[in-house]
N, C-alpha and C. Protein backbone atom coordinates (compact mmCIF):
# COMPACT_ATOMS: atom_id res chain seq x y z
N UNK A 1 5.43 6.18 4.65
CA UNK A 1 5.32 5.85 6.05
C UNK A 1 6.65 5.32 6.60
N UNK A 2 7.35 4.57 5.77
CA UNK A 2 8.63 4.04 6.22
C UNK A 2 9.62 5.17 6.47
N UNK A 3 9.62 6.16 5.58
CA UNK A 3 10.54 7.28 5.70
C UNK A 3 10.22 8.17 6.90
N UNK A 4 9.01 8.09 7.39
CA UNK A 4 8.59 8.97 8.47
C UNK A 4 8.78 8.32 9.84
N UNK A 5 9.46 7.19 9.91
CA UNK A 5 9.74 6.55 11.19
C UNK A 5 8.67 5.60 11.68
N UNK A 6 7.77 5.19 10.81
CA UNK A 6 6.70 4.29 11.22
C UNK A 6 7.09 2.81 11.15
N UNK A 7 8.30 2.50 10.72
CA UNK A 7 8.70 1.11 10.53
C UNK A 7 8.49 0.27 11.79
N UNK A 8 8.92 0.70 12.97
CA UNK A 8 8.66 -0.12 14.17
C UNK A 8 7.17 -0.34 14.43
N UNK A 9 6.36 0.68 14.19
CA UNK A 9 4.91 0.53 14.39
C UNK A 9 4.32 -0.46 13.40
N UNK A 10 4.77 -0.39 12.16
CA UNK A 10 4.27 -1.30 11.13
C UNK A 10 4.65 -2.73 11.49
N UNK A 11 5.88 -2.93 11.92
CA UNK A 11 6.32 -4.28 12.32
C UNK A 11 5.49 -4.79 13.49
N UNK A 12 5.21 -3.93 14.46
CA UNK A 12 4.42 -4.33 15.62
C UNK A 12 3.01 -4.75 15.20
N UNK A 13 2.42 -4.01 14.28
CA UNK A 13 1.07 -4.34 13.79
C UNK A 13 1.09 -5.68 13.07
N UNK A 14 2.05 -5.87 12.18
CA UNK A 14 2.13 -7.12 11.42
C UNK A 14 2.35 -8.31 12.35
N UNK A 15 3.17 -8.14 13.38
CA UNK A 15 3.43 -9.22 14.33
C UNK A 15 2.17 -9.64 15.08
N UNK A 16 1.17 -8.77 15.16
CA UNK A 16 -0.07 -9.08 15.87
C UNK A 16 -1.11 -9.77 14.98
N UNK A 17 -0.83 -9.89 13.69
CA UNK A 17 -1.78 -10.51 12.77
C UNK A 17 -1.59 -12.03 12.76
N UNK A 18 -2.60 -12.78 12.34
CA UNK A 18 -2.47 -14.23 12.29
C UNK A 18 -1.33 -14.65 11.36
N UNK A 19 -0.71 -15.78 11.67
CA UNK A 19 0.41 -16.25 10.83
C UNK A 19 -0.08 -16.67 9.45
N UNK A 20 -1.31 -17.17 9.37
CA UNK A 20 -1.88 -17.53 8.07
C UNK A 20 -2.73 -16.36 7.61
N UNK A 21 -2.20 -15.63 6.65
CA UNK A 21 -2.88 -14.43 6.16
C UNK A 21 -2.38 -14.15 4.76
N UNK A 22 -3.09 -13.31 4.06
CA UNK A 22 -2.62 -12.82 2.76
C UNK A 22 -2.08 -11.42 3.01
N UNK A 23 -0.85 -11.20 2.60
CA UNK A 23 -0.20 -9.91 2.82
C UNK A 23 0.18 -9.30 1.48
N UNK A 24 -0.24 -8.09 1.25
CA UNK A 24 0.11 -7.36 0.04
C UNK A 24 0.86 -6.10 0.45
N UNK A 25 1.95 -5.83 -0.22
CA UNK A 25 2.76 -4.66 0.08
C UNK A 25 2.92 -3.84 -1.18
N UNK A 26 2.47 -2.60 -1.14
CA UNK A 26 2.56 -1.72 -2.30
C UNK A 26 3.50 -0.57 -1.98
N UNK A 27 4.37 -0.27 -2.91
CA UNK A 27 5.29 0.84 -2.72
C UNK A 27 5.71 1.39 -4.08
N UNK A 28 5.75 2.70 -4.19
CA UNK A 28 6.20 3.31 -5.44
C UNK A 28 7.68 3.05 -5.66
N UNK A 29 8.41 2.89 -4.58
CA UNK A 29 9.83 2.55 -4.65
C UNK A 29 10.06 1.33 -3.77
N UNK A 30 11.19 0.68 -3.94
CA UNK A 30 11.45 -0.52 -3.15
C UNK A 30 12.84 -0.45 -2.51
N UNK A 31 13.03 0.49 -1.58
CA UNK A 31 14.32 0.56 -0.89
C UNK A 31 14.51 -0.64 0.05
N UNK A 32 15.72 -0.81 0.52
CA UNK A 32 16.08 -1.97 1.34
C UNK A 32 15.17 -2.18 2.55
N UNK A 33 14.80 -1.15 3.32
CA UNK A 33 13.93 -1.40 4.48
C UNK A 33 12.58 -2.00 4.11
N UNK A 34 12.04 -1.60 2.97
CA UNK A 34 10.76 -2.16 2.53
C UNK A 34 10.94 -3.60 2.09
N UNK A 35 12.02 -3.90 1.37
CA UNK A 35 12.29 -5.29 0.98
C UNK A 35 12.44 -6.18 2.21
N UNK A 36 13.08 -5.66 3.26
CA UNK A 36 13.26 -6.45 4.49
C UNK A 36 11.92 -6.80 5.12
N UNK A 37 10.97 -5.86 5.08
CA UNK A 37 9.63 -6.14 5.60
C UNK A 37 9.02 -7.31 4.83
N UNK A 38 9.12 -7.28 3.51
CA UNK A 38 8.58 -8.36 2.69
C UNK A 38 9.21 -9.69 3.02
N UNK A 39 10.51 -9.73 3.13
CA UNK A 39 11.21 -10.99 3.43
C UNK A 39 10.87 -11.48 4.83
N UNK A 40 10.77 -10.56 5.78
CA UNK A 40 10.53 -10.93 7.17
C UNK A 40 9.11 -11.43 7.42
N UNK A 41 8.13 -10.82 6.77
CA UNK A 41 6.75 -11.11 7.12
C UNK A 41 5.95 -11.80 6.02
N UNK A 42 6.56 -12.12 4.90
CA UNK A 42 5.82 -12.75 3.81
C UNK A 42 6.46 -14.09 3.45
N UNK A 43 5.63 -15.00 2.98
CA UNK A 43 6.11 -16.30 2.52
C UNK A 43 6.30 -16.23 1.02
N UNK A 44 7.51 -16.47 0.58
CA UNK A 44 7.83 -16.47 -0.85
C UNK A 44 7.29 -15.22 -1.55
N UNK A 45 7.72 -14.03 -1.10
CA UNK A 45 7.19 -12.80 -1.70
C UNK A 45 7.58 -12.65 -3.17
N UNK A 46 6.69 -12.07 -3.93
CA UNK A 46 6.91 -11.79 -5.35
C UNK A 46 6.91 -10.28 -5.54
N UNK A 47 7.75 -9.82 -6.44
CA UNK A 47 7.81 -8.39 -6.73
C UNK A 47 7.36 -8.15 -8.16
N UNK A 48 6.44 -7.23 -8.33
CA UNK A 48 5.97 -6.84 -9.66
C UNK A 48 6.50 -5.44 -9.91
N UNK A 49 7.23 -5.28 -11.00
CA UNK A 49 7.81 -4.00 -11.34
C UNK A 49 7.20 -3.50 -12.64
N UNK A 50 6.80 -2.25 -12.65
CA UNK A 50 6.24 -1.63 -13.84
C UNK A 50 7.33 -0.80 -14.48
N UNK A 51 7.58 -1.06 -15.75
CA UNK A 51 8.60 -0.28 -16.46
C UNK A 51 8.11 1.14 -16.65
N UNK A 52 9.04 2.06 -16.74
CA UNK A 52 8.67 3.47 -16.84
C UNK A 52 7.83 3.78 -18.07
N UNK A 53 7.99 3.00 -19.14
CA UNK A 53 7.18 3.22 -20.34
C UNK A 53 5.74 2.79 -20.12
N UNK A 54 5.51 1.97 -19.12
CA UNK A 54 4.18 1.42 -18.86
C UNK A 54 3.64 1.95 -17.53
N UNK A 55 3.67 3.25 -17.35
CA UNK A 55 3.25 3.82 -16.09
C UNK A 55 1.78 3.57 -15.78
N UNK A 56 0.94 3.55 -16.79
CA UNK A 56 -0.47 3.30 -16.56
C UNK A 56 -0.98 2.27 -17.56
N UNK A 57 -1.98 1.55 -17.16
CA UNK A 57 -2.61 0.58 -18.05
C UNK A 57 -3.69 1.29 -18.86
N UNK A 58 -3.76 0.97 -20.14
CA UNK A 58 -4.73 1.62 -21.02
C UNK A 58 -6.18 1.37 -20.59
N UNK A 59 -6.43 0.22 -19.98
CA UNK A 59 -7.81 -0.14 -19.63
C UNK A 59 -8.19 0.26 -18.20
N UNK A 60 -7.32 0.98 -17.53
CA UNK A 60 -7.62 1.41 -16.16
C UNK A 60 -7.97 2.89 -16.17
N UNK A 61 -9.15 3.19 -15.66
CA UNK A 61 -9.55 4.59 -15.52
C UNK A 61 -8.94 5.14 -14.24
N UNK A 62 -8.30 6.28 -14.34
CA UNK A 62 -7.70 6.90 -13.17
C UNK A 62 -8.34 8.26 -12.94
N UNK A 63 -8.53 8.60 -11.68
CA UNK A 63 -9.06 9.89 -11.33
C UNK A 63 -8.56 10.26 -9.94
N UNK A 64 -8.77 11.47 -9.56
CA UNK A 64 -8.39 11.90 -8.22
C UNK A 64 -9.52 12.73 -7.63
N UNK A 65 -9.51 12.79 -6.33
CA UNK A 65 -10.50 13.58 -5.60
C UNK A 65 -9.73 14.55 -4.71
N UNK A 66 -10.02 15.82 -4.87
CA UNK A 66 -9.40 16.83 -4.01
C UNK A 66 -10.21 16.94 -2.73
N UNK A 67 -9.52 16.92 -1.63
CA UNK A 67 -10.21 17.08 -0.35
C UNK A 67 -9.28 17.74 0.65
N UNK A 68 -9.88 18.28 1.65
CA UNK A 68 -9.11 18.87 2.74
C UNK A 68 -8.58 17.73 3.61
N UNK A 69 -7.53 18.00 4.35
CA UNK A 69 -6.88 16.98 5.17
C UNK A 69 -7.89 16.26 6.07
N UNK A 70 -8.76 17.00 6.74
CA UNK A 70 -9.70 16.39 7.67
C UNK A 70 -10.80 15.58 6.98
N UNK A 71 -10.95 15.72 5.65
CA UNK A 71 -11.98 14.99 4.91
C UNK A 71 -11.47 13.68 4.31
N UNK A 72 -10.16 13.44 4.35
CA UNK A 72 -9.58 12.31 3.63
C UNK A 72 -10.12 10.96 4.08
N UNK A 73 -10.22 10.74 5.38
CA UNK A 73 -10.70 9.45 5.86
C UNK A 73 -12.13 9.20 5.42
N UNK A 74 -12.98 10.22 5.54
CA UNK A 74 -14.37 10.09 5.10
C UNK A 74 -14.44 9.80 3.61
N UNK A 75 -13.64 10.49 2.82
CA UNK A 75 -13.62 10.25 1.37
C UNK A 75 -13.19 8.82 1.06
N UNK A 76 -12.16 8.35 1.74
CA UNK A 76 -11.68 6.98 1.52
C UNK A 76 -12.76 5.96 1.84
N UNK A 77 -13.43 6.13 2.97
CA UNK A 77 -14.48 5.17 3.33
C UNK A 77 -15.65 5.24 2.35
N UNK A 78 -15.96 6.40 1.84
CA UNK A 78 -17.03 6.52 0.85
C UNK A 78 -16.64 5.84 -0.46
N UNK A 79 -15.38 5.95 -0.85
CA UNK A 79 -14.92 5.27 -2.07
C UNK A 79 -15.01 3.76 -1.88
N UNK A 80 -14.53 3.27 -0.74
CA UNK A 80 -14.56 1.83 -0.47
C UNK A 80 -15.99 1.32 -0.41
N UNK A 81 -16.87 2.07 0.22
CA UNK A 81 -18.28 1.67 0.31
C UNK A 81 -19.03 1.79 -1.01
N UNK A 82 -18.43 2.48 -1.96
CA UNK A 82 -19.07 2.64 -3.26
C UNK A 82 -20.08 3.77 -3.31
N UNK A 83 -20.08 4.63 -2.29
CA UNK A 83 -21.03 5.73 -2.28
C UNK A 83 -20.48 6.97 -2.98
N UNK A 84 -19.24 6.89 -3.44
CA UNK A 84 -18.66 7.97 -4.23
C UNK A 84 -17.89 7.32 -5.38
N UNK A 85 -18.05 7.85 -6.56
CA UNK A 85 -17.35 7.28 -7.72
C UNK A 85 -16.66 8.36 -8.50
């Protein structure tokens, strides 16, 4: 999203949230613009880095769901609601 020019929109959204909040930022990479977001909008941000040898946790089951573009939001809400596993 950052690479696609959404940075101003993301900043605007974050600025509208309460000052006392829990903020989590996930990124496969951590380029400078993303780090700046963390510093600007988070209190004492922590960075967790996974070494390349530890790409996945042994105790975490991973799977994927193939869907058409227009089905993605529905699939996501069904996963969150627990109606799809």
